[in-house]
PDB file of N, CA and C in Angstrom:
ATOM      1  N   MET A   1      34.037 146.667 130.216  1.00  0.00           N
ATOM      2  CA  MET A   1      34.810 146.136 129.100  1.00  0.00           C
ATOM      3  C   MET A   1      33.964 145.109 128.357  1.00  0.00           C
ATOM      4  N   GLU A   2      33.840 145.284 127.076  1.00  0.00           N
ATOM      5  CA  GLU A   2      33.031 144.386 126.260  1.00  0.00           C
ATOM      6  C   GLU A   2      33.921 143.315 125.646  1.00  0.00           C
ATOM      7  N   LEU A   3      33.511 142.068 125.787  1.00  0.00           N
ATOM      8  CA  LEU A   3      34.259 140.951 125.227  1.00  0.00           C
ATOM      9  C   LEU A   3      33.562 140.497 123.956  1.00  0.00           C
ATOM     10  N   LEU A   4      34.264 140.573 122.850  1.00  0.00           N
ATOM     11  CA  LEU A   4      33.702 140.150 121.566  1.00  0.00           C
ATOM     12  C   LEU A   4      34.252 138.792 121.192  1.00  0.00           C
ATOM     13  N   THR A   5      33.388 137.922 120.715  1.00  0.00           N
ATOM     14  CA  THR A   5      33.798 136.606 120.266  1.00  0.00           C
ATOM     15  C   THR A   5      33.718 136.565 118.749  1.00  0.00           C
ATOM     16  N   THR A   6      34.773 136.126 118.121  1.00  0.00           N
ATOM     17  CA  THR A   6      34.747 135.958 116.670  1.00  0.00           C
ATOM     18  C   THR A   6      34.820 134.466 116.373  1.00  0.00           C
ATOM     19  N   TYR A   7      34.099 134.060 115.378  1.00  0.00           N
ATOM     20  CA  TYR A   7      34.041 132.665 115.007  1.00  0.00           C
ATOM     21  C   TYR A   7      34.702 132.468 113.651  1.00  0.00           C
ATOM     22  N   LYS A   8      35.427 131.364 113.517  1.00  0.00           N
ATOM     23  CA  LYS A   8      36.108 131.050 112.275  1.00  0.00           C
ATOM     24  C   LYS A   8      35.183 130.321 111.308  1.00  0.00           C
ATOM     25  N   TYR A   9      34.234 129.554 111.832  1.00  0.00           N
ATOM     26  CA  TYR A   9      33.357 128.739 111.003  1.00  0.00           C
ATOM     27  C   TYR A   9      31.897 129.129 111.202  1.00  0.00           C
ATOM     28  N   TYR A  10      31.120 129.016 110.164  1.00  0.00           N
ATOM     29  CA  TYR A  10      29.699 129.302 110.206  1.00  0.00           C
ATOM     30  C   TYR A  10      28.949 128.115 109.609  1.00  0.00           C
ATOM     31  N   ALA A  11      27.703 127.940 110.007  1.00  0.00           N
ATOM     32  CA  ALA A  11      26.896 126.849 109.463  1.00  0.00           C
ATOM     33  C   ALA A  11      25.494 127.376 109.175  1.00  0.00           C
ATOM     34  N   PHE A  12      24.864 126.777 108.207  1.00  0.00           N
ATOM     35  CA  PHE A  12      23.482 127.112 107.870  1.00  0.00           C
ATOM     36  C   PHE A  12      22.692 125.814 107.886  1.00  0.00           C
ATOM     37  N   ILE A  13      21.627 125.789 108.665  1.00  0.00           N
ATOM     38  CA  ILE A  13      20.779 124.601 108.743  1.00  0.00           C
ATOM     39  C   ILE A  13      19.427 124.944 108.143  1.00  0.00           C
ATOM     40  N   SER A  14      19.007 124.175 107.167  1.00  0.00           N
ATOM     41  CA  SER A  14      17.721 124.369 106.523  1.00  0.00           C
ATOM     42  C   SER A  14      16.812 123.198 106.874  1.00  0.00           C
ATOM     43  N   TYR A  15      15.552 123.493 107.191  1.00  0.00           N
ATOM     44  CA  TYR A  15      14.627 122.434 107.566  1.00  0.00           C
ATOM     45  C   TYR A  15      13.189 122.835 107.236  1.00  0.00           C
ATOM     46  N   LYS A  16      12.341 121.848 107.146  1.00  0.00           N
ATOM     47  CA  LYS A  16      10.914 122.074 106.912  1.00  0.00           C
ATOM     48  C   LYS A  16      10.253 122.455 108.231  1.00  0.00           C
ATOM     49  N   GLY A  17       9.171 123.163 108.165  1.00  0.00           N
ATOM     50  CA  GLY A  17       8.440 123.554 109.364  1.00  0.00           C
ATOM     51  C   GLY A  17       8.046 122.365 110.220  1.00  0.00           C
ATOM     52  N   GLU A  18       7.725 121.251 109.581  1.00  0.00           N
ATOM     53  CA  GLU A  18       7.317 120.053 110.325  1.00  0.00           C
ATOM     54  C   GLU A  18       8.478 119.433 111.109  1.00  0.00           C
ATOM     55  N   ASP A  19       9.711 119.817 110.763  1.00  0.00           N
ATOM     56  CA  ASP A  19      10.897 119.290 111.436  1.00  0.00           C
ATOM     57  C   ASP A  19      11.482 120.279 112.445  1.00  0.00           C
ATOM     58  N   GLU A  20      10.748 121.324 112.798  1.00  0.00           N
ATOM     59  CA  GLU A  20      11.280 122.380 113.659  1.00  0.00           C
ATOM     60  C   GLU A  20      11.771 121.852 115.011  1.00  0.00           C
ATOM     61  N   LYS A  21      11.024 120.954 115.624  1.00  0.00           N
ATOM     62  CA  LYS A  21      11.426 120.419 116.930  1.00  0.00           C
ATOM     63  C   LYS A  21      12.781 119.723 116.823  1.00  0.00           C
ATOM     64  N   TRP A  22      12.944 118.892 115.801  1.00  0.00           N
ATOM     65  CA  TRP A  22      14.201 118.179 115.585  1.00  0.00           C
ATOM     66  C   TRP A  22      15.332 119.158 115.283  1.00  0.00           C
ATOM     67  N   ALA A  23      15.059 120.167 114.446  1.00  0.00           N
ATOM     68  CA  ALA A  23      16.084 121.131 114.045  1.00  0.00           C
ATOM     69  C   ALA A  23      16.552 121.962 115.238  1.00  0.00           C
ATOM     70  N   LYS A  24      15.646 122.362 116.118  1.00  0.00           N
ATOM     71  CA  LYS A  24      16.036 123.134 117.300  1.00  0.00           C
ATOM     72  C   LYS A  24      16.900 122.294 118.236  1.00  0.00           C
ATOM     73  N   ARG A  25      16.570 121.015 118.359  1.00  0.00           N
ATOM     74  CA  ARG A  25      17.378 120.122 119.189  1.00  0.00           C
ATOM     75  C   ARG A  25      18.786 119.990 118.609  1.00  0.00           C
ATOM     76  N   LEU A  26      18.881 119.790 117.297  1.00  0.00           N
ATOM     77  CA  LEU A  26      20.171 119.677 116.633  1.00  0.00           C
ATOM     78  C   LEU A  26      20.982 120.958 116.798  1.00  0.00           C
ATOM     79  N   GLN A  27      20.354 122.089 116.616  1.00  0.00           N
ATOM     80  CA  GLN A  27      21.041 123.369 116.753  1.00  0.00           C
ATOM     81  C   GLN A  27      21.609 123.529 118.158  1.00  0.00           C
ATOM     82  N   GLY A  28      20.841 123.173 119.172  1.00  0.00           N
ATOM     83  CA  GLY A  28      21.318 123.263 120.547  1.00  0.00           C
ATOM     84  C   GLY A  28      22.522 122.377 120.791  1.00  0.00           C
ATOM     85  N   GLN A  29      22.488 121.171 120.242  1.00  0.00           N
ATOM     86  CA  GLN A  29      23.612 120.250 120.404  1.00  0.00           C
ATOM     87  C   GLN A  29      24.864 120.783 119.707  1.00  0.00           C
ATOM     88  N   ILE A  30      24.695 121.357 118.539  1.00  0.00           N
ATOM     89  CA  ILE A  30      25.832 121.921 117.812  1.00  0.00           C
ATOM     90  C   ILE A  30      26.417 123.103 118.580  1.00  0.00           C
ATOM     91  N   GLU A  31      25.568 123.971 119.118  1.00  0.00           N
ATOM     92  CA  GLU A  31      26.046 125.140 119.841  1.00  0.00           C
ATOM     93  C   GLU A  31      26.790 124.770 121.124  1.00  0.00           C
ATOM     94  N   ARG A  32      26.424 123.659 121.749  1.00  0.00           N
ATOM     95  CA  ARG A  32      27.079 123.241 122.997  1.00  0.00           C
ATOM     96  C   ARG A  32      28.317 122.381 122.770  1.00  0.00           C
ATOM     97  N   PHE A  33      28.521 121.908 121.557  1.00  0.00           N
ATOM     98  CA  PHE A  33      29.647 121.021 121.257  1.00  0.00           C
ATOM     99  C   PHE A  33      30.970 121.755 121.435  1.00  0.00           C
ATOM    100  N   ARG A  34      31.904 121.111 122.093  1.00  0.00           N
ATOM    101  CA  ARG A  34      33.247 121.667 122.254  1.00  0.00           C
ATOM    102  C   ARG A  34      34.252 120.704 121.659  1.00  0.00           C
ATOM    103  N   LEU A  35      35.090 121.218 120.790  1.00  0.00           N
ATOM    104  CA  LEU A  35      36.111 120.420 120.134  1.00  0.00           C
ATOM    105  C   LEU A  35      37.155 120.005 121.167  1.00  0.00           C
ATOM    106  N   PRO A  36      37.564 118.734 121.180  1.00  0.00           N
ATOM    107  CA  PRO A  36      38.606 118.303 122.113  1.00  0.00           C
ATOM    108  C   PRO A  36      39.890 119.109 121.899  1.00  0.00           C
ATOM    109  N   ARG A  37      40.583 119.424 122.989  1.00  0.00           N
ATOM    110  CA  ARG A  37      41.811 120.230 122.905  1.00  0.00           C
ATOM    111  C   ARG A  37      42.822 119.642 121.929  1.00  0.00           C
ATOM    112  N   ALA A  38      42.942 118.327 121.901  1.00  0.00           N
ATOM    113  CA  ALA A  38      43.914 117.674 121.018  1.00  0.00           C
ATOM    114  C   ALA A  38      43.621 117.955 119.546  1.00  0.00           C
ATOM    115  N   MET A  39      42.385 118.285 119.216  1.00  0.00           N
ATOM    116  CA  MET A  39      42.007 118.541 117.821  1.00  0.00           C
ATOM    117  C   MET A  39      41.980 120.028 117.496  1.00  0.00           C
ATOM    118  N   ALA A  40      41.964 120.874 118.499  1.00  0.00           N
ATOM    119  CA  ALA A  40      41.842 122.321 118.289  1.00  0.00           C
ATOM    120  C   ALA A  40      43.128 122.892 117.700  1.00  0.00           C
ATOM    121  N   GLY A  41      42.955 123.971 116.962  1.00  0.00           N
ATOM    122  CA  GLY A  41      44.136 124.663 116.445  1.00  0.00           C
ATOM    123  C   GLY A  41      44.034 124.832 115.010  1.00  0.00           C
TER     124      GLY A  41
END
């Protein structure tokens, strides 16, 4: 059984090549962020 995840929101991050290390760190933090249950819905 395949589980598909659909997302309601999308984001686009643009950065210079010299900022790649910082941008990858930011992207990882955004991907791991979980909205508190009290705010979800």
